[in-house]
Amino acid sequence: MGTKSNTATNPFGQLTTFERPLLSLYKDTKYTYKEVSNIMGYHRDTIWHKRKQIKGKLEE
């Protein structure tokens, strides 16, 4: 019987534990930057900058 792995698969394996939920909240739920910032407890500008960094990582 195989073992179940809890590691993320590419391309998400290259994202941090902060970036994965941010991307999920923004993409999967279609929340706005302001809504995501309220949920995660960061300023919306921080969320915008981090999402831009994530986009760059995933385009590599």
PDB file of N, CA and C in Angstrom:
ATOM      1  N   MET A   1       0.845  -1.178   0.000  1.00  0.00           N
ATOM      2  CA  MET A   1       0.000   0.000   0.000  1.00  0.00           C
ATOM      3  C   MET A   1       0.888   1.238   0.000  1.00  0.00           C
ATOM      4  N   GLY A   2       0.564   2.245  -0.811  1.00  0.00           N
ATOM      5  CA  GLY A   2       1.368   3.454  -0.922  1.00  0.00           C
ATOM      6  C   GLY A   2       1.152   4.398   0.249  1.00  0.00           C
ATOM      7  N   THR A   3       2.070   5.335   0.381  1.00  0.00           N
ATOM      8  CA  THR A   3       1.937   6.333   1.437  1.00  0.00           C
ATOM      9  C   THR A   3       1.416   7.620   0.845  1.00  0.00           C
ATOM     10  N   LYS A   4       0.686   8.349   1.633  1.00  0.00           N
ATOM     11  CA  LYS A   4       0.124   9.623   1.186  1.00  0.00           C
ATOM     12  C   LYS A   4       1.089  10.744   1.550  1.00  0.00           C
ATOM     13  N   SER A   5       1.392  11.586   0.586  1.00  0.00           N
ATOM     14  CA  SER A   5       2.328  12.684   0.807  1.00  0.00           C
ATOM     15  C   SER A   5       1.565  13.979   1.041  1.00  0.00           C
ATOM     16  N   ASN A   6       2.074  14.797   1.944  1.00  0.00           N
ATOM     17  CA  ASN A   6       1.459  16.087   2.228  1.00  0.00           C
ATOM     18  C   ASN A   6       2.213  17.235   1.581  1.00  0.00           C
ATOM     19  N   THR A   7       3.136  16.944   0.685  1.00  0.00           N
ATOM     20  CA  THR A   7       3.899  18.007   0.046  1.00  0.00           C
ATOM     21  C   THR A   7       3.159  18.512  -1.177  1.00  0.00           C
ATOM     22  N   ALA A   8       3.340  19.781  -1.459  1.00  0.00           N
ATOM     23  CA  ALA A   8       2.703  20.398  -2.621  1.00  0.00           C
ATOM     24  C   ALA A   8       3.417  19.968  -3.890  1.00  0.00           C
ATOM     25  N   THR A   9       2.664  19.876  -4.957  1.00  0.00           N
ATOM     26  CA  THR A   9       3.253  19.525  -6.241  1.00  0.00           C
ATOM     27  C   THR A   9       3.532  20.792  -7.028  1.00  0.00           C
ATOM     28  N   ASN A  10       4.440  20.690  -7.979  1.00  0.00           N
ATOM     29  CA  ASN A  10       4.752  21.846  -8.819  1.00  0.00           C
ATOM     30  C   ASN A  10       3.506  22.279  -9.545  1.00  0.00           C
ATOM     31  N   PRO A  11       3.295  23.542  -9.762  1.00  0.00           N
ATOM     32  CA  PRO A  11       4.186  24.654  -9.456  1.00  0.00           C
ATOM     33  C   PRO A  11       4.058  25.162  -8.021  1.00  0.00           C
ATOM     34  N   PHE A  12       3.136  24.600  -7.253  1.00  0.00           N
ATOM     35  CA  PHE A  12       2.880  25.128  -5.909  1.00  0.00           C
ATOM     36  C   PHE A  12       3.952  24.766  -4.899  1.00  0.00           C
ATOM     37  N   GLY A  13       4.798  23.806  -5.222  1.00  0.00           N
ATOM     38  CA  GLY A  13       5.887  23.439  -4.334  1.00  0.00           C
ATOM     39  C   GLY A  13       6.890  24.556  -4.137  1.00  0.00           C
ATOM     40  N   GLN A  14       6.946  25.477  -5.088  1.00  0.00           N
ATOM     41  CA  GLN A  14       7.888  26.592  -4.976  1.00  0.00           C
ATOM     42  C   GLN A  14       7.310  27.785  -4.217  1.00  0.00           C
ATOM     43  N   LEU A  15       6.055  27.690  -3.791  1.00  0.00           N
ATOM     44  CA  LEU A  15       5.419  28.772  -3.037  1.00  0.00           C
ATOM     45  C   LEU A  15       5.558  28.528  -1.541  1.00  0.00           C
ATOM     46  N   THR A  16       5.594  29.615  -0.784  1.00  0.00           N
ATOM     47  CA  THR A  16       5.713  29.517   0.674  1.00  0.00           C
ATOM     48  C   THR A  16       4.353  29.204   1.299  1.00  0.00           C
ATOM     49  N   THR A  17       4.372  28.913   2.591  1.00  0.00           N
ATOM     50  CA  THR A  17       3.121  28.639   3.304  1.00  0.00           C
ATOM     51  C   THR A  17       2.249  29.889   3.420  1.00  0.00           C
ATOM     52  N   PHE A  18       2.805  31.055   3.196  1.00  0.00           N
ATOM     53  CA  PHE A  18       2.031  32.301   3.148  1.00  0.00           C
ATOM     54  C   PHE A  18       1.422  32.479   1.755  1.00  0.00           C
ATOM     55  N   GLU A  19       2.182  32.135   0.725  1.00  0.00           N
ATOM     56  CA  GLU A  19       1.752  32.389  -0.649  1.00  0.00           C
ATOM     57  C   GLU A  19       0.653  31.443  -1.130  1.00  0.00           C
ATOM     58  N   ARG A  20       0.691  30.185  -0.718  1.00  0.00           N
ATOM     59  CA  ARG A  20      -0.316  29.220  -1.185  1.00  0.00           C
ATOM     60  C   ARG A  20      -1.736  29.609  -0.779  1.00  0.00           C
ATOM     61  N   PRO A  21      -1.995  29.910   0.506  1.00  0.00           N
ATOM     62  CA  PRO A  21      -3.371  30.308   0.848  1.00  0.00           C
ATOM     63  C   PRO A  21      -3.775  31.638   0.215  1.00  0.00           C
ATOM     64  N   LEU A  22      -2.814  32.548   0.082  1.00  0.00           N
ATOM     65  CA  LEU A  22      -3.110  33.830  -0.556  1.00  0.00           C
ATOM     66  C   LEU A  22      -3.598  33.589  -1.982  1.00  0.00           C
ATOM     67  N   LEU A  23      -2.877  32.774  -2.720  1.00  0.00           N
ATOM     68  CA  LEU A  23      -3.250  32.483  -4.104  1.00  0.00           C
ATOM     69  C   LEU A  23      -4.603  31.780  -4.156  1.00  0.00           C
ATOM     70  N   SER A  24      -4.818  30.856  -3.246  1.00  0.00           N
ATOM     71  CA  SER A  24      -6.081  30.125  -3.208  1.00  0.00           C
ATOM     72  C   SER A  24      -7.254  31.059  -2.922  1.00  0.00           C
ATOM     73  N   LEU A  25      -7.096  31.933  -1.944  1.00  0.00           N
ATOM     74  CA  LEU A  25      -8.170  32.873  -1.624  1.00  0.00           C
ATOM     75  C   LEU A  25      -8.462  33.798  -2.797  1.00  0.00           C
ATOM     76  N   TYR A  26      -7.421  34.249  -3.462  1.00  0.00           N
ATOM     77  CA  TYR A  26      -7.612  35.205  -4.545  1.00  0.00           C
ATOM     78  C   TYR A  26      -8.190  34.532  -5.788  1.00  0.00           C
ATOM     79  N   LYS A  27      -7.634  33.384  -6.170  1.00  0.00           N
ATOM     80  CA  LYS A  27      -8.045  32.727  -7.413  1.00  0.00           C
ATOM     81  C   LYS A  27      -9.316  31.894  -7.256  1.00  0.00           C
ATOM     82  N   ASP A  28      -9.334  31.003  -6.275  1.00  0.00           N
ATOM     83  CA  ASP A  28     -10.433  30.047  -6.149  1.00  0.00           C
ATOM     84  C   ASP A  28     -11.732  30.680  -5.680  1.00  0.00           C
ATOM     85  N   THR A  29     -11.643  31.645  -4.790  1.00  0.00           N
ATOM     86  CA  THR A  29     -12.851  32.239  -4.224  1.00  0.00           C
ATOM     87  C   THR A  29     -13.213  33.568  -4.873  1.00  0.00           C
ATOM     88  N   LYS A  30     -12.308  34.099  -5.680  1.00  0.00           N
ATOM     89  CA  LYS A  30     -12.535  35.379  -6.373  1.00  0.00           C
ATOM     90  C   LYS A  30     -12.695  36.552  -5.409  1.00  0.00           C
ATOM     91  N   TYR A  31     -12.073  36.434  -4.215  1.00  0.00           N
ATOM     92  CA  TYR A  31     -12.080  37.559  -3.289  1.00  0.00           C
ATOM     93  C   TYR A  31     -11.247  38.701  -3.864  1.00  0.00           C
ATOM     94  N   THR A  32     -11.575  39.918  -3.472  1.00  0.00           N
ATOM     95  CA  THR A  32     -10.792  41.086  -3.872  1.00  0.00           C
ATOM     96  C   THR A  32      -9.544  41.171  -2.999  1.00  0.00           C
ATOM     97  N   TYR A  33      -8.602  42.043  -3.382  1.00  0.00           N
ATOM     98  CA  TYR A  33      -7.402  42.250  -2.568  1.00  0.00           C
ATOM     99  C   TYR A  33      -7.788  42.676  -1.153  1.00  0.00           C
ATOM    100  N   LYS A  34      -8.767  43.549  -1.053  1.00  0.00           N
ATOM    101  CA  LYS A  34      -9.204  44.035   0.266  1.00  0.00           C
ATOM    102  C   LYS A  34      -9.785  42.901   1.109  1.00  0.00           C
ATOM    103  N   GLU A  35     -10.599  42.051   0.502  1.00  0.00           N
ATOM    104  CA  GLU A  35     -11.180  40.924   1.236  1.00  0.00           C
ATOM    105  C   GLU A  35     -10.099  39.941   1.692  1.00  0.00           C
ATOM    106  N   VAL A  36      -9.151  39.640   0.803  1.00  0.00           N
ATOM    107  CA  VAL A  36      -8.053  38.737   1.154  1.00  0.00           C
ATOM    108  C   VAL A  36      -7.217  39.348   2.272  1.00  0.00           C
ATOM    109  N   SER A  37      -6.960  40.653   2.187  1.00  0.00           N
ATOM    110  CA  SER A  37      -6.149  41.306   3.218  1.00  0.00           C
ATOM    111  C   SER A  37      -6.846  41.251   4.577  1.00  0.00           C
ATOM    112  N   ASN A  38      -8.165  41.405   4.597  1.00  0.00           N
ATOM    113  CA  ASN A  38      -8.916  41.308   5.855  1.00  0.00           C
ATOM    114  C   ASN A  38      -8.851  39.896   6.432  1.00  0.00           C
ATOM    115  N   ILE A  39      -8.955  38.890   5.588  1.00  0.00           N
ATOM    116  CA  ILE A  39      -8.910  37.497   6.034  1.00  0.00           C
ATOM    117  C   ILE A  39      -7.526  37.139   6.564  1.00  0.00           C
ATOM    118  N   MET A  40      -6.486  37.568   5.847  1.00  0.00           N
ATOM    119  CA  MET A  40      -5.118  37.181   6.201  1.00  0.00           C
ATOM    120  C   MET A  40      -4.465  38.118   7.212  1.00  0.00           C
ATOM    121  N   GLY A  41      -5.058  39.292   7.429  1.00  0.00           N
ATOM    122  CA  GLY A  41      -4.523  40.217   8.426  1.00  0.00           C
ATOM    123  C   GLY A  41      -3.349  41.050   7.948  1.00  0.00           C
ATOM    124  N   TYR A  42      -3.257  41.273   6.647  1.00  0.00           N
ATOM    125  CA  TYR A  42      -2.197  42.104   6.070  1.00  0.00           C
ATOM    126  C   TYR A  42      -2.835  43.242   5.289  1.00  0.00           C
ATOM    127  N   HIS A  43      -2.087  44.317   5.086  1.00  0.00           N
ATOM    128  CA  HIS A  43      -2.576  45.446   4.298  1.00  0.00           C
ATOM    129  C   HIS A  43      -2.785  44.994   2.854  1.00  0.00           C
ATOM    130  N   ARG A  44      -3.769  45.580   2.176  1.00  0.00           N
ATOM    131  CA  ARG A  44      -4.061  45.171   0.798  1.00  0.00           C
ATOM    132  C   ARG A  44      -2.889  45.401  -0.144  1.00  0.00           C
ATOM    133  N   ASP A  45      -2.051  46.413   0.125  1.00  0.00           N
ATOM    134  CA  ASP A  45      -0.871  46.632  -0.717  1.00  0.00           C
ATOM    135  C   ASP A  45       0.116  45.476  -0.584  1.00  0.00           C
ATOM    136  N   THR A  46       0.240  44.924   0.620  1.00  0.00           N
ATOM    137  CA  THR A  46       1.106  43.763   0.837  1.00  0.00           C
ATOM    138  C   THR A  46       0.587  42.576   0.040  1.00  0.00           C
ATOM    139  N   ILE A  47      -0.719  42.367   0.069  1.00  0.00           N
ATOM    140  CA  ILE A  47      -1.338  41.268  -0.675  1.00  0.00           C
ATOM    141  C   ILE A  47      -1.101  41.459  -2.168  1.00  0.00           C
ATOM    142  N   TRP A  48      -1.265  42.677  -2.655  1.00  0.00           N
ATOM    143  CA  TRP A  48      -1.054  42.958  -4.078  1.00  0.00           C
ATOM    144  C   TRP A  48       0.389  42.661  -4.476  1.00  0.00           C
ATOM    145  N   HIS A  49       1.352  43.122  -3.677  1.00  0.00           N
ATOM    146  CA  HIS A  49       2.770  42.897  -3.991  1.00  0.00           C
ATOM    147  C   HIS A  49       3.120  41.412  -3.937  1.00  0.00           C
ATOM    148  N   LYS A  50       2.629  40.708  -2.930  1.00  0.00           N
ATOM    149  CA  LYS A  50       2.911  39.274  -2.818  1.00  0.00           C
ATOM    150  C   LYS A  50       2.297  38.512  -3.982  1.00  0.00           C
ATOM    151  N   ARG A  51       1.092  38.891  -4.409  1.00  0.00           N
ATOM    152  CA  ARG A  51       0.460  38.211  -5.537  1.00  0.00           C
ATOM    153  C   ARG A  51       1.259  38.441  -6.811  1.00  0.00           C
ATOM    154  N   LYS A  52       1.798  39.638  -6.951  1.00  0.00           N
ATOM    155  CA  LYS A  52       2.644  39.944  -8.106  1.00  0.00           C
ATOM    156  C   LYS A  52       3.903  39.063  -8.083  1.00  0.00           C
ATOM    157  N   GLN A  53       4.490  38.865  -6.900  1.00  0.00           N
ATOM    158  CA  GLN A  53       5.657  37.988  -6.765  1.00  0.00           C
ATOM    159  C   GLN A  53       5.293  36.540  -7.096  1.00  0.00           C
ATOM    160  N   ILE A  54       4.134  36.098  -6.647  1.00  0.00           N
ATOM    161  CA  ILE A  54       3.678  34.739  -6.932  1.00  0.00           C
ATOM    162  C   ILE A  54       3.524  34.553  -8.434  1.00  0.00           C
ATOM    163  N   LYS A  55       2.910  35.518  -9.076  1.00  0.00           N
ATOM    164  CA  LYS A  55       2.709  35.452 -10.523  1.00  0.00           C
ATOM    165  C   LYS A  55       4.050  35.308 -11.233  1.00  0.00           C
ATOM    166  N   GLY A  56       5.050  36.060 -10.789  1.00  0.00           N
ATOM    167  CA  GLY A  56       6.384  35.958 -11.373  1.00  0.00           C
ATOM    168  C   GLY A  56       6.996  34.586 -11.169  1.00  0.00           C
ATOM    169  N   LYS A  57       6.818  34.017  -9.981  1.00  0.00           N
ATOM    170  CA  LYS A  57       7.346  32.675  -9.696  1.00  0.00           C
ATOM    171  C   LYS A  57       6.711  31.633 -10.603  1.00  0.00           C
ATOM    172  N   LEU A  58       5.403  31.732 -10.797  1.00  0.00           N
ATOM    173  CA  LEU A  58       4.683  30.732 -11.574  1.00  0.00           C
ATOM    174  C   LEU A  58       4.922  30.864 -13.072  1.00  0.00           C
ATOM    175  N   GLU A  59       5.335  32.035 -13.516  1.00  0.00           N
ATOM    176  CA  GLU A  59       5.612  32.242 -14.939  1.00  0.00           C
ATOM    177  C   GLU A  59       7.004  31.782 -15.332  1.00  0.00           C
ATOM    178  N   GLU A  60       7.871  31.543 -14.341  1.00  0.00           N
ATOM    179  CA  GLU A  60       9.246  31.126 -14.623  1.00  0.00           C
ATOM    180  C   GLU A  60       9.292  29.771 -15.264  1.00  0.00           C
TER     181      GLU A  60
END
